[in-house]
Amino acid sequence: MIDVAVLNRDGKEVESLQVDENVFGGCVRYELLKQAIVRHQANKRVGTAATKSRGMVKGSTTKLFRQKGTGNARVGNSRTGKRVGGGVTFAKVNRDFGKRMPKKQRQLATASAILSKLQTGNVVVIDELGFDAPKTKDFVGILGNLKIDRSCLVTTNVQDDNLYKSVRNVPKVDMLPVSDLNAGDICNKQKMLFTKDAFLSLINKD
């Protein structure tokens, strides 16, 4: 069992939660975690880089001069990759770098990522994190009270527009609802900040 303290906005502990490691698979599956991270990074690649091959360049197909006797280097038509203005020899084309991963493997990888954060003490749970209006300065103050001075992923139970607008301008801090958590985003941040409702929904999802 892992003990997780629930803090208030001032950084003081108000209660404690016990988390069974079996809820998150019992152990960290590093091979599966790496596969999920590679997939996450690959799926972010756009893959729209493209250059023209010799078949796409406008120009004559006639050989510029005879093969021998001119004293020049051997060369073909004006579209060859050996000449300025010609096509690229090994031209880049649009491609999809995306990788597939079964749903159950993605879920296990996400559970392993959260368990890894729990085991290293990088999970912070706050009793509530609501705002009546966007308050970036207040949110930064809360992070200071919670001693979060590095990159952080804020996780809520439901989408909160006021909280999102308070978070979005803070460097190295992102926000995701529990339903959208994934191994790539979790491992990309040093800390995870859960609201109590979000954390309870995660450990009691069964």
C-alpha atoms as a PDB file:
ATOM      1  CA  MET A   1       0.000   0.000   0.000  1.00  0.00           C
ATOM      2  CA  ILE A   2       1.119   3.527  -0.774  1.00  0.00           C
ATOM      3  CA  ASP A   3       0.141   6.418   1.505  1.00  0.00           C
ATOM      4  CA  VAL A   4      -0.790   9.610  -0.349  1.00  0.00           C
ATOM      5  CA  ALA A   5      -1.361  12.840   1.551  1.00  0.00           C
ATOM      6  CA  VAL A   6      -4.272  15.093   0.587  1.00  0.00           C
ATOM      7  CA  LEU A   7      -3.268  18.747   0.884  1.00  0.00           C
ATOM      8  CA  ASN A   8      -5.247  21.969   0.923  1.00  0.00           C
ATOM      9  CA  ARG A   9      -4.399  25.125  -1.017  1.00  0.00           C
ATOM     10  CA  ASP A  10      -1.979  26.225   1.696  1.00  0.00           C
ATOM     11  CA  GLY A  11       0.017  23.006   1.366  1.00  0.00           C
ATOM     12  CA  LYS A  12      -1.144  21.582   4.712  1.00  0.00           C
ATOM     13  CA  GLU A  13      -2.174  17.931   5.001  1.00  0.00           C
ATOM     14  CA  VAL A  14      -5.884  17.480   5.704  1.00  0.00           C
ATOM     15  CA  GLU A  15      -6.170  13.704   5.291  1.00  0.00           C
ATOM     16  CA  SER A  16      -4.396  10.654   3.914  1.00  0.00           C
ATOM     17  CA  LEU A  17      -5.358   8.065   1.299  1.00  0.00           C
ATOM     18  CA  GLN A  18      -4.080   4.525   0.954  1.00  0.00           C
ATOM     19  CA  VAL A  19      -3.579   3.230  -2.561  1.00  0.00           C
ATOM     20  CA  ASP A  20      -3.241  -0.445  -3.435  1.00  0.00           C
ATOM     21  CA  GLU A  21      -0.513  -0.945  -6.047  1.00  0.00           C
ATOM     22  CA  ASN A  22      -2.624  -3.669  -7.665  1.00  0.00           C
ATOM     23  CA  VAL A  23      -5.045  -0.962  -8.831  1.00  0.00           C
ATOM     24  CA  PHE A  24      -2.295   0.124 -11.225  1.00  0.00           C
ATOM     25  CA  GLY A  25      -1.157  -3.348 -12.240  1.00  0.00           C
ATOM     26  CA  GLY A  26       1.018  -4.155  -9.234  1.00  0.00           C
ATOM     27  CA  CYS A  27       4.315  -3.296 -10.941  1.00  0.00           C
ATOM     28  CA  VAL A  28       5.768  -0.918 -13.497  1.00  0.00           C
ATOM     29  CA  ARG A  29       5.950  -2.532 -16.947  1.00  0.00           C
ATOM     30  CA  TYR A  30       8.917  -0.665 -18.382  1.00  0.00           C
ATOM     31  CA  GLU A  31       8.889  -2.360 -21.808  1.00  0.00           C
ATOM     32  CA  LEU A  32       5.225  -1.496 -22.297  1.00  0.00           C
ATOM     33  CA  LEU A  33       5.845   2.003 -20.983  1.00  0.00           C
ATOM     34  CA  LYS A  34       8.602   2.609 -23.521  1.00  0.00           C
ATOM     35  CA  GLN A  35       6.402   1.332 -26.340  1.00  0.00           C
ATOM     36  CA  ALA A  36       3.625   3.737 -25.333  1.00  0.00           C
ATOM     37  CA  ILE A  37       6.023   6.702 -25.133  1.00  0.00           C
ATOM     38  CA  VAL A  38       7.498   5.940 -28.565  1.00  0.00           C
ATOM     39  CA  ARG A  39       3.967   5.698 -29.979  1.00  0.00           C
ATOM     40  CA  HIS A  40       2.980   8.997 -28.346  1.00  0.00           C
ATOM     41  CA  GLN A  41       5.983  10.818 -29.816  1.00  0.00           C
ATOM     42  CA  ALA A  42       5.576   9.198 -33.245  1.00  0.00           C
ATOM     43  CA  ASN A  43       1.906  10.163 -33.456  1.00  0.00           C
ATOM     44  CA  LYS A  44       2.838  13.801 -32.849  1.00  0.00           C
ATOM     45  CA  ARG A  45       4.990  13.900 -35.993  1.00  0.00           C
ATOM     46  CA  VAL A  46       3.318  15.690 -38.885  1.00  0.00           C
ATOM     47  CA  GLY A  47       5.174  13.952 -41.732  1.00  0.00           C
ATOM     48  CA  THR A  48       4.403  16.619 -44.356  1.00  0.00           C
ATOM     49  CA  ALA A  49       8.008  17.280 -45.477  1.00  0.00           C
ATOM     50  CA  ALA A  50       8.290  16.748 -49.247  1.00  0.00           C
ATOM     51  CA  THR A  51      10.764  17.542 -52.030  1.00  0.00           C
ATOM     52  CA  LYS A  52      10.598  17.112 -55.799  1.00  0.00           C
ATOM     53  CA  SER A  53      12.158  14.081 -57.420  1.00  0.00           C
ATOM     54  CA  ARG A  54      13.623  14.297 -60.947  1.00  0.00           C
ATOM     55  CA  GLY A  55      10.280  13.135 -62.342  1.00  0.00           C
ATOM     56  CA  MET A  56       8.521  16.143 -60.802  1.00  0.00           C
ATOM     57  CA  VAL A  57      10.926  18.831 -62.044  1.00  0.00           C
ATOM     58  CA  LYS A  58      10.003  20.732 -65.197  1.00  0.00           C
ATOM     59  CA  GLY A  59      12.513  20.345 -68.039  1.00  0.00           C
ATOM     60  CA  SER A  60      13.620  18.382 -71.072  1.00  0.00           C
ATOM     61  CA  THR A  61      14.387  14.674 -70.996  1.00  0.00           C
ATOM     62  CA  THR A  62      17.086  15.043 -73.662  1.00  0.00           C
ATOM     63  CA  LYS A  63      20.688  14.286 -72.712  1.00  0.00           C
ATOM     64  CA  LEU A  64      22.513  17.627 -72.572  1.00  0.00           C
ATOM     65  CA  PHE A  65      25.603  16.546 -74.573  1.00  0.00           C
ATOM     66  CA  ARG A  66      27.178  13.346 -75.824  1.00  0.00           C
ATOM     67  CA  GLN A  67      28.792  10.953 -73.394  1.00  0.00           C
ATOM     68  CA  LYS A  68      32.380  11.296 -74.618  1.00  0.00           C
ATOM     69  CA  GLY A  69      34.625  13.777 -76.367  1.00  0.00           C
ATOM     70  CA  THR A  70      33.447  17.064 -74.855  1.00  0.00           C
ATOM     71  CA  GLY A  71      35.762  17.130 -71.840  1.00  0.00           C
ATOM     72  CA  ASN A  72      32.784  17.560 -69.515  1.00  0.00           C
ATOM     73  CA  ALA A  73      31.709  15.232 -66.771  1.00  0.00           C
ATOM     74  CA  ARG A  74      29.168  12.649 -67.832  1.00  0.00           C
ATOM     75  CA  VAL A  75      25.670  13.930 -67.231  1.00  0.00           C
ATOM     76  CA  GLY A  76      22.128  13.150 -68.303  1.00  0.00           C
ATOM     77  CA  ASN A  77      19.235  15.562 -68.724  1.00  0.00           C
ATOM     78  CA  SER A  78      18.677  18.862 -66.940  1.00  0.00           C
ATOM     79  CA  ARG A  79      16.418  17.268 -64.342  1.00  0.00           C
ATOM     80  CA  THR A  80      19.126  15.024 -62.898  1.00  0.00           C
ATOM     81  CA  GLY A  81      19.974  15.339 -59.214  1.00  0.00           C
ATOM     82  CA  LYS A  82      23.583  16.196 -60.105  1.00  0.00           C
ATOM     83  CA  ARG A  83      22.671  19.630 -61.473  1.00  0.00           C
ATOM     84  CA  VAL A  84      21.443  22.817 -59.781  1.00  0.00           C
ATOM     85  CA  GLY A  85      17.704  23.103 -60.327  1.00  0.00           C
ATOM     86  CA  GLY A  86      17.338  19.373 -60.832  1.00  0.00           C
ATOM     87  CA  GLY A  87      15.318  16.980 -58.752  1.00  0.00           C
ATOM     88  CA  VAL A  88      16.367  15.536 -55.398  1.00  0.00           C
ATOM     89  CA  THR A  89      17.957  12.094 -55.755  1.00  0.00           C
ATOM     90  CA  PHE A  90      16.146  10.485 -52.834  1.00  0.00           C
ATOM     91  CA  ALA A  91      13.148  12.809 -52.552  1.00  0.00           C
ATOM     92  CA  LYS A  92      11.152  13.062 -49.341  1.00  0.00           C
ATOM     93  CA  VAL A  93       7.475  12.248 -49.651  1.00  0.00           C
ATOM     94  CA  ASN A  94       4.499  12.696 -47.318  1.00  0.00           C
ATOM     95  CA  ARG A  95       4.334   9.817 -44.864  1.00  0.00           C
ATOM     96  CA  ASP A  96       2.481   8.762 -41.753  1.00  0.00           C
ATOM     97  CA  PHE A  97       4.729   8.068 -38.765  1.00  0.00           C
ATOM     98  CA  GLY A  98       1.812   6.910 -36.594  1.00  0.00           C
ATOM     99  CA  LYS A  99       2.028   3.684 -34.601  1.00  0.00           C
ATOM    100  CA  ARG A 100      -0.787   1.500 -33.366  1.00  0.00           C
ATOM    101  CA  MET A 101      -1.134  -0.047 -29.924  1.00  0.00           C
ATOM    102  CA  PRO A 102      -3.951  -2.218 -28.543  1.00  0.00           C
ATOM    103  CA  LYS A 103      -6.313  -0.515 -26.101  1.00  0.00           C
ATOM    104  CA  LYS A 104      -5.492  -2.814 -23.170  1.00  0.00           C
ATOM    105  CA  GLN A 105      -1.777  -2.226 -23.647  1.00  0.00           C
ATOM    106  CA  ARG A 106      -2.346   1.536 -23.660  1.00  0.00           C
ATOM    107  CA  GLN A 107      -4.340   1.255 -20.438  1.00  0.00           C
ATOM    108  CA  LEU A 108      -1.632  -0.855 -18.766  1.00  0.00           C
ATOM    109  CA  ALA A 109       1.059   1.593 -19.894  1.00  0.00           C
ATOM    110  CA  THR A 110      -0.911   4.513 -18.428  1.00  0.00           C
ATOM    111  CA  ALA A 111      -1.347   2.617 -15.155  1.00  0.00           C
ATOM    112  CA  SER A 112       2.387   1.871 -15.069  1.00  0.00           C
ATOM    113  CA  ALA A 113       3.203   5.544 -15.633  1.00  0.00           C
ATOM    114  CA  ILE A 114       0.970   6.626 -12.725  1.00  0.00           C
ATOM    115  CA  LEU A 115       2.363   3.876 -10.471  1.00  0.00           C
ATOM    116  CA  SER A 116       5.889   5.016 -11.272  1.00  0.00           C
ATOM    117  CA  LYS A 117       4.998   8.564 -10.204  1.00  0.00           C
ATOM    118  CA  LEU A 118       3.418   7.244  -6.986  1.00  0.00           C
ATOM    119  CA  GLN A 119       6.446   5.142  -6.100  1.00  0.00           C
ATOM    120  CA  THR A 120       8.812   8.076  -6.596  1.00  0.00           C
ATOM    121  CA  GLY A 121       6.654  10.503  -4.592  1.00  0.00           C
ATOM    122  CA  ASN A 122       5.829  12.697  -7.578  1.00  0.00           C
ATOM    123  CA  VAL A 123       2.037  12.622  -7.109  1.00  0.00           C
ATOM    124  CA  VAL A 124       0.373  15.491  -5.246  1.00  0.00           C
ATOM    125  CA  VAL A 125      -3.325  15.394  -4.318  1.00  0.00           C
ATOM    126  CA  ILE A 126      -5.223  18.572  -3.444  1.00  0.00           C
ATOM    127  CA  ASP A 127      -8.651  18.611  -1.815  1.00  0.00           C
ATOM    128  CA  GLU A 128     -10.142  21.088  -4.319  1.00  0.00           C
ATOM    129  CA  LEU A 129      -8.913  23.322  -7.119  1.00  0.00           C
ATOM    130  CA  GLY A 130     -11.875  25.357  -8.306  1.00  0.00           C
ATOM    131  CA  PHE A 131     -11.868  29.001  -9.401  1.00  0.00           C
ATOM    132  CA  ASP A 132     -14.795  31.383  -9.803  1.00  0.00           C
ATOM    133  CA  ALA A 133     -12.865  33.119 -12.599  1.00  0.00           C
ATOM    134  CA  PRO A 134      -9.516  32.571 -14.336  1.00  0.00           C
ATOM    135  CA  LYS A 135      -6.785  33.377 -11.797  1.00  0.00           C
ATOM    136  CA  THR A 136      -3.314  32.527 -13.083  1.00  0.00           C
ATOM    137  CA  LYS A 137      -1.574  34.378 -10.242  1.00  0.00           C
ATOM    138  CA  ASP A 138      -3.591  32.475  -7.623  1.00  0.00           C
ATOM    139  CA  PHE A 139      -2.844  29.155  -9.315  1.00  0.00           C
ATOM    140  CA  VAL A 140       0.900  29.902  -9.350  1.00  0.00           C
ATOM    141  CA  GLY A 141       0.639  30.696  -5.633  1.00  0.00           C
ATOM    142  CA  ILE A 142      -0.997  27.315  -5.002  1.00  0.00           C
ATOM    143  CA  LEU A 143       1.821  25.565  -6.879  1.00  0.00           C
ATOM    144  CA  GLY A 144       4.293  27.351  -4.626  1.00  0.00           C
ATOM    145  CA  ASN A 145       2.428  26.248  -1.491  1.00  0.00           C
ATOM    146  CA  LEU A 146       2.466  22.663  -2.769  1.00  0.00           C
ATOM    147  CA  LYS A 147       6.233  22.928  -3.459  1.00  0.00           C
ATOM    148  CA  ILE A 148       5.758  22.199  -7.169  1.00  0.00           C
ATOM    149  CA  ASP A 149       8.548  24.094  -8.900  1.00  0.00           C
ATOM    150  CA  ARG A 150       9.077  21.873 -11.930  1.00  0.00           C
ATOM    151  CA  SER A 151       6.971  20.632 -14.833  1.00  0.00           C
ATOM    152  CA  CYS A 152       3.541  19.415 -13.769  1.00  0.00           C
ATOM    153  CA  LEU A 153       0.455  17.717 -15.204  1.00  0.00           C
ATOM    154  CA  VAL A 154      -2.777  18.905 -13.571  1.00  0.00           C
ATOM    155  CA  THR A 155      -5.504  16.256 -13.606  1.00  0.00           C
ATOM    156  CA  THR A 156      -9.183  16.896 -12.881  1.00  0.00           C
ATOM    157  CA  ASN A 157     -12.288  14.736 -12.884  1.00  0.00           C
ATOM    158  CA  VAL A 158     -14.126  16.939 -15.399  1.00  0.00           C
ATOM    159  CA  GLN A 159     -13.120  19.756 -17.724  1.00  0.00           C
ATOM    160  CA  ASP A 160     -13.022  23.069 -15.840  1.00  0.00           C
ATOM    161  CA  ASP A 161     -12.759  26.126 -18.110  1.00  0.00           C
ATOM    162  CA  ASN A 162     -11.756  28.539 -15.342  1.00  0.00           C
ATOM    163  CA  LEU A 163      -9.031  26.213 -14.133  1.00  0.00           C
ATOM    164  CA  TYR A 164      -7.838  25.569 -17.685  1.00  0.00           C
ATOM    165  CA  LYS A 165      -7.538  29.306 -18.356  1.00  0.00           C
ATOM    166  CA  SER A 166      -5.638  29.687 -15.084  1.00  0.00           C
ATOM    167  CA  VAL A 167      -3.203  26.914 -16.057  1.00  0.00           C
ATOM    168  CA  ARG A 168      -2.577  27.481 -19.748  1.00  0.00           C
ATOM    169  CA  ASN A 169      -0.182  30.443 -19.399  1.00  0.00           C
ATOM    170  CA  VAL A 170       2.012  28.789 -16.758  1.00  0.00           C
ATOM    171  CA  PRO A 171       5.237  27.427 -18.317  1.00  0.00           C
ATOM    172  CA  LYS A 172       5.718  23.648 -18.255  1.00  0.00           C
ATOM    173  CA  VAL A 173       2.264  23.038 -16.764  1.00  0.00           C
ATOM    174  CA  ASP A 174      -0.482  21.222 -18.688  1.00  0.00           C
ATOM    175  CA  MET A 175      -3.970  20.068 -17.768  1.00  0.00           C
ATOM    176  CA  LEU A 176      -5.859  16.893 -18.676  1.00  0.00           C
ATOM    177  CA  PRO A 177      -9.056  15.244 -17.412  1.00  0.00           C
ATOM    178  CA  VAL A 178      -8.672  11.735 -15.984  1.00  0.00           C
ATOM    179  CA  SER A 179     -10.321  10.206 -19.050  1.00  0.00           C
ATOM    180  CA  ASP A 180      -7.586  11.602 -21.338  1.00  0.00           C
ATOM    181  CA  LEU A 181      -4.545  10.507 -19.332  1.00  0.00           C
ATOM    182  CA  ASN A 182      -1.858   8.687 -21.307  1.00  0.00           C
ATOM    183  CA  ALA A 183       1.647   7.416 -20.640  1.00  0.00           C
ATOM    184  CA  GLY A 184       3.305   9.924 -22.968  1.00  0.00           C
ATOM    185  CA  ASP A 185       1.917  13.047 -21.281  1.00  0.00           C
ATOM    186  CA  ILE A 186       2.456  11.610 -17.795  1.00  0.00           C
ATOM    187  CA  CYS A 187       6.116  10.737 -18.371  1.00  0.00           C
ATOM    188  CA  ASN A 188       6.734  14.100 -20.013  1.00  0.00           C
ATOM    189  CA  LYS A 189       6.131  15.892 -16.692  1.00  0.00           C
ATOM    190  CA  GLN A 190       8.032  15.679 -13.425  1.00  0.00           C
ATOM    191  CA  LYS A 191       4.983  15.984 -11.141  1.00  0.00           C
ATOM    192  CA  MET A 192       1.296  15.080 -11.256  1.00  0.00           C
ATOM    193  CA  LEU A 193      -1.262  17.234  -9.439  1.00  0.00           C
ATOM    194  CA  PHE A 194      -4.605  15.491  -8.882  1.00  0.00           C
ATOM    195  CA  THR A 195      -7.754  16.920  -7.448  1.00  0.00           C
ATOM    196  CA  LYS A 196      -9.133  14.608  -4.761  1.00  0.00           C
ATOM    197  CA  ASP A 197     -12.214  13.770  -6.846  1.00  0.00           C
ATOM    198  CA  ALA A 198     -10.060  12.900  -9.848  1.00  0.00           C
ATOM    199  CA  PHE A 199      -7.738  10.700  -7.802  1.00  0.00           C
ATOM    200  CA  LEU A 200     -10.618   8.851  -6.150  1.00  0.00           C
ATOM    201  CA  SER A 201     -12.292   8.257  -9.512  1.00  0.00           C
ATOM    202  CA  LEU A 202      -9.002   6.801 -10.734  1.00  0.00           C
ATOM    203  CA  ILE A 203      -8.415   4.359  -7.875  1.00  0.00           C
ATOM    204  CA  ASN A 204     -12.100   3.404  -7.583  1.00  0.00           C
ATOM    205  CA  LYS A 205     -12.823   3.054 -11.291  1.00  0.00           C
ATOM    206  CA  ASP A 206     -13.649  -0.630 -10.961  1.00  0.00           C
END
